[in-house]
Amino acid sequence: MSRESYQQLLDELREHVVEMGDLVVERLEAALTALRTVNREMAQSVIDGDDDINELYLALEADCIDLFALQQPVATDLRFIAASFKIITDLERIADLATNLAAYAQSADRRLTPEVDVDTIGREATEMVERSIDAYEREDIEECRDIAADDDALDALCQRASETVARDLIEREADTNDGWAVEQLLDDVSRLLLTVRDLERVGDHAVNIAARTLYMVETDSELIY
């Protein structure tokens, strides 16, 4: 195979990984909208679409394996294929988290839960994913480091949200004698805590993408953990 043909395969892999990333972001945004508006139909469409993401992941995984096995890449090409392989795994897991959020939307009831700014947390997490995909596409190492630094702010938002939920739960339990109401409150609080946890994990996966991109470009493992 000529170098030109081989480079075309590498370019196509990058393009397809970016396309997968864009699709995952679209599903994540839809899940967050469904959660905010309690739109069960939209939530179901996100859940139903998870198979499409899984199939795309498997197809790209096969492309990476073929490039490893058939072309025997070295140096820069090897790092690029290995990073792409890792990145599609993170993207597939973000899609799974979007499916979780959609499932929470199907049973959401904010009437009994405290005011927690899930919208802001979701927006910050989604932007981190978008930026990490863009950094991979453009091989932007400074953006990779910025994304990792910004994860601390997302973690802080999630920590404050979890503390608010826990504090509200204690106060409401003390004021409620109705067993059914307490059980309903616990269900709602659990769902809200899981929402915050999953959004924090979305940010972690964005950092993973940035870390793999940094290593791909500079052989720098400082962000890999």
Protein backbone atom coordinates (compact mmCIF):
# COMPACT_ATOMS: atom_id res chain seq x y z
CA MET A 1 0.00 0.00 0.00
CA SER A 2 1.34 3.43 -0.93
CA ARG A 3 1.96 6.05 1.72
CA GLU A 4 -0.77 8.20 0.14
CA SER A 5 -3.35 5.40 0.45
CA TYR A 6 -2.26 4.66 3.99
CA GLN A 7 -2.49 8.33 4.97
CA GLN A 8 -6.00 8.44 3.52
CA LEU A 9 -7.02 5.60 5.85
CA LEU A 10 -5.59 7.50 8.82
CA ASP A 11 -7.39 10.68 7.77
CA GLU A 12 -10.66 8.76 7.42
CA LEU A 13 -10.21 7.28 10.90
CA ARG A 14 -9.77 10.74 12.39
CA GLU A 15 -12.81 12.00 10.51
CA HIS A 16 -14.97 9.09 11.70
CA VAL A 17 -13.86 9.49 15.32
CA VAL A 18 -14.84 13.17 15.17
CA GLU A 19 -18.20 12.21 13.64
CA MET A 20 -18.77 9.76 16.47
CA GLY A 21 -17.89 12.49 18.95
CA ASP A 22 -20.37 14.89 17.37
CA LEU A 23 -23.10 12.24 17.53
CA VAL A 24 -22.36 11.50 21.18
CA VAL A 25 -22.54 15.22 22.03
CA GLU A 26 -25.87 15.42 20.23
CA ARG A 27 -27.23 12.53 22.30
CA LEU A 28 -25.89 14.04 25.50
CA GLU A 29 -27.54 17.37 24.77
CA ALA A 30 -30.84 15.62 23.98
CA ALA A 31 -30.68 13.69 27.26
CA LEU A 32 -30.07 16.88 29.22
CA THR A 33 -32.95 18.62 27.45
CA ALA A 34 -35.22 15.66 28.22
CA LEU A 35 -34.14 15.81 31.85
CA ARG A 36 -34.73 19.56 32.11
CA THR A 37 -38.15 19.47 30.43
CA VAL A 38 -39.19 16.00 31.66
CA ASN A 39 -39.70 15.04 28.00
CA ARG A 40 -40.17 11.29 28.14
CA GLU A 41 -40.47 10.89 24.37
CA MET A 42 -37.13 12.60 23.79
CA ALA A 43 -35.61 10.52 26.58
CA GLN A 44 -36.80 7.33 24.92
CA SER A 45 -35.28 8.38 21.59
CA VAL A 46 -31.88 8.75 23.30
CA ILE A 47 -32.23 5.32 24.89
CA ASP A 48 -33.30 3.75 21.59
CA GLY A 49 -30.38 5.35 19.77
CA ASP A 50 -27.74 3.79 22.01
CA ASP A 51 -27.49 0.77 19.71
CA ASP A 52 -26.41 3.07 16.87
CA ILE A 53 -23.53 4.37 18.99
CA ASN A 54 -22.50 0.84 19.94
CA GLU A 55 -22.48 -0.26 16.29
CA LEU A 56 -20.40 2.77 15.31
CA TYR A 57 -17.97 2.02 18.13
CA LEU A 58 -17.55 -1.59 16.95
CA ALA A 59 -16.98 -0.48 13.37
CA LEU A 60 -14.28 2.00 14.40
CA GLU A 61 -12.73 -0.55 16.74
CA ALA A 62 -12.45 -2.92 13.77
CA ASP A 63 -10.83 -0.15 11.69
CA CYS A 64 -8.23 0.42 14.40
CA ILE A 65 -7.49 -3.28 14.69
CA ASP A 66 -7.09 -3.57 10.92
CA LEU A 67 -4.66 -0.67 10.87
CA PHE A 68 -2.69 -2.27 13.71
CA ALA A 69 -2.64 -5.76 12.22
CA LEU A 70 -2.37 -5.10 8.49
CA GLN A 71 -0.26 -1.96 8.27
CA GLN A 72 2.10 -2.38 11.24
CA PRO A 73 2.28 1.33 12.04
CA VAL A 74 5.24 2.84 13.85
CA ALA A 75 5.98 5.99 15.86
CA THR A 76 3.52 8.83 15.20
CA ASP A 77 1.03 6.69 13.28
CA LEU A 78 1.04 4.06 16.00
CA ARG A 79 0.31 6.65 18.70
CA PHE A 80 -2.48 8.15 16.60
CA ILE A 81 -4.23 4.81 16.08
CA ALA A 82 -3.79 3.81 19.73
CA ALA A 83 -5.14 7.18 20.91
CA SER A 84 -8.12 6.92 18.54
CA PHE A 85 -8.86 3.44 19.85
CA LYS A 86 -8.88 4.74 23.43
CA ILE A 87 -10.91 7.82 22.53
CA ILE A 88 -13.76 5.90 20.90
CA THR A 89 -13.99 3.87 24.11
CA ASP A 90 -14.43 7.06 26.12
CA LEU A 91 -17.01 8.32 23.63
CA GLU A 92 -18.99 5.09 23.89
CA ARG A 93 -18.99 5.41 27.68
CA ILE A 94 -20.19 9.02 27.47
CA ALA A 95 -23.04 7.76 25.29
CA ASP A 96 -23.87 5.20 27.99
CA LEU A 97 -23.99 8.02 30.53
CA ALA A 98 -26.31 9.98 28.23
CA THR A 99 -28.57 6.91 28.18
CA ASN A 100 -28.53 6.90 31.99
CA LEU A 101 -29.57 10.56 32.04
CA ALA A 102 -32.39 9.83 29.61
CA ALA A 103 -33.59 7.01 31.87
CA TYR A 104 -33.62 9.40 34.85
CA ALA A 105 -35.68 11.84 32.76
CA GLN A 106 -38.36 9.22 32.24
CA SER A 107 -39.09 9.07 35.95
CA ALA A 108 -38.09 12.57 36.99
CA ASP A 109 -40.24 14.63 39.33
CA ARG A 110 -38.65 17.85 40.52
CA ARG A 111 -41.47 18.75 42.91
CA LEU A 112 -39.84 16.93 45.81
CA THR A 113 -36.18 17.59 45.04
CA PRO A 114 -33.99 20.55 46.01
CA GLU A 115 -32.98 23.27 43.59
CA VAL A 116 -29.75 22.01 42.06
CA ASP A 117 -28.34 23.64 38.93
CA VAL A 118 -28.09 20.49 36.82
CA ASP A 119 -28.33 22.63 33.66
CA THR A 120 -25.07 24.44 34.42
CA ILE A 121 -23.29 21.22 35.35
CA GLY A 122 -24.56 19.53 32.20
CA ARG A 123 -23.56 22.47 30.02
CA GLU A 124 -20.04 22.54 31.48
CA ALA A 125 -19.60 18.78 31.02
CA THR A 126 -20.91 18.88 27.45
CA GLU A 127 -18.61 21.77 26.53
CA MET A 128 -15.64 19.82 27.87
CA VAL A 129 -16.52 16.90 25.58
CA GLU A 130 -16.91 19.22 22.58
CA ARG A 131 -13.57 20.87 23.30
CA SER A 132 -11.79 17.55 23.74
CA ILE A 133 -13.05 16.30 20.37
CA ASP A 134 -11.95 19.55 18.75
CA ALA A 135 -8.52 19.28 20.40
CA TYR A 136 -8.16 15.74 19.02
CA GLU A 137 -9.15 16.88 15.53
CA ARG A 138 -6.75 19.85 15.55
CA GLU A 139 -4.05 18.25 17.75
CA ASP A 140 -4.30 21.24 20.09
CA ILE A 141 -2.10 20.40 23.07
CA GLU A 142 -2.76 23.66 24.96
CA GLU A 143 -6.49 23.01 24.82
CA CYS A 144 -5.86 19.52 26.19
CA ARG A 145 -4.18 20.99 29.24
CA ASP A 146 -6.91 23.62 29.64
CA ILE A 147 -9.60 20.92 29.61
CA ALA A 148 -7.82 19.01 32.35
CA ALA A 149 -7.53 22.18 34.44
CA ASP A 150 -11.21 23.01 33.95
CA ASP A 151 -12.23 19.61 35.29
CA ASP A 152 -11.52 20.91 38.80
CA ALA A 153 -14.27 23.51 38.37
CA LEU A 154 -16.73 20.85 37.21
CA ASP A 155 -15.82 18.65 40.17
CA ALA A 156 -16.44 21.58 42.50
CA LEU A 157 -19.89 22.20 40.97
CA CYS A 158 -20.75 18.53 41.41
CA GLN A 159 -19.51 18.52 45.00
CA ARG A 160 -21.62 21.54 45.92
CA ALA A 161 -24.67 20.02 44.24
CA SER A 162 -24.27 16.74 46.12
CA GLU A 163 -23.89 18.58 49.42
CA THR A 164 -27.06 20.59 48.68
CA VAL A 165 -29.00 17.41 47.97
CA ALA A 166 -27.76 15.68 51.13
CA ARG A 167 -28.54 18.69 53.31
CA ASP A 168 -32.02 19.02 51.84
CA LEU A 169 -32.68 15.32 52.39
CA ILE A 170 -31.81 15.57 56.09
CA GLU A 171 -34.07 18.60 56.55
CA ARG A 172 -37.03 17.09 54.70
CA GLU A 173 -36.78 13.74 56.46
CA ALA A 174 -36.90 15.52 59.81
CA ASP A 175 -40.09 17.34 58.76
CA THR A 176 -41.90 14.37 57.16
CA ASN A 177 -43.84 11.69 59.01
CA ASP A 178 -45.54 10.20 55.95
CA GLY A 179 -43.76 6.93 55.05
CA TRP A 180 -44.76 7.10 51.37
CA ALA A 181 -43.57 10.68 51.08
CA VAL A 182 -40.21 9.76 52.59
CA GLU A 183 -39.83 6.85 50.17
CA GLN A 184 -40.68 9.10 47.22
CA LEU A 185 -38.23 11.71 48.48
CA LEU A 186 -35.46 9.12 48.70
CA ASP A 187 -36.15 7.95 45.13
CA ASP A 188 -35.99 11.51 43.80
CA VAL A 189 -32.86 12.36 45.75
CA SER A 190 -31.15 9.17 44.60
CA ARG A 191 -31.93 9.99 40.99
CA LEU A 192 -30.59 13.52 41.39
CA LEU A 193 -27.37 12.30 43.00
CA LEU A 194 -26.90 9.79 40.18
CA THR A 195 -27.43 12.58 37.64
CA VAL A 196 -24.70 14.69 39.25
CA ARG A 197 -22.38 11.67 39.49
CA ASP A 198 -22.86 10.78 35.83
CA LEU A 199 -22.20 14.34 34.67
CA GLU A 200 -18.99 14.36 36.68
CA ARG A 201 -18.00 11.16 34.89
CA VAL A 202 -18.73 12.77 31.53
CA GLY A 203 -16.14 15.39 32.45
CA ASP A 204 -13.68 12.67 33.45
CA HIS A 205 -14.06 11.03 30.04
CA ALA A 206 -13.48 14.40 28.34
CA VAL A 207 -10.22 14.68 30.28
CA ASN A 208 -9.31 11.15 29.15
CA ILE A 209 -9.80 12.20 25.52
CA ALA A 210 -7.61 15.25 26.09
CA ALA A 211 -4.99 13.12 27.82
CA ARG A 212 -4.81 10.62 24.95
CA THR A 213 -4.58 13.47 22.45
CA LEU A 214 -1.71 15.06 24.36
CA TYR A 215 0.14 11.75 24.44
CA MET A 216 -0.59 11.20 20.73
CA VAL A 217 0.95 14.55 19.78
CA GLU A 218 3.80 14.95 22.26
CA THR A 219 4.30 11.54 23.89
CA ASP A 220 3.44 13.34 27.11
CA SER A 221 1.64 11.18 29.66
CA GLU A 222 1.12 13.90 32.31
CA LEU A 223 -2.70 13.82 32.02
CA ILE A 224 -3.11 10.06 31.77
CA TYR A 225 -4.42 8.49 34.97
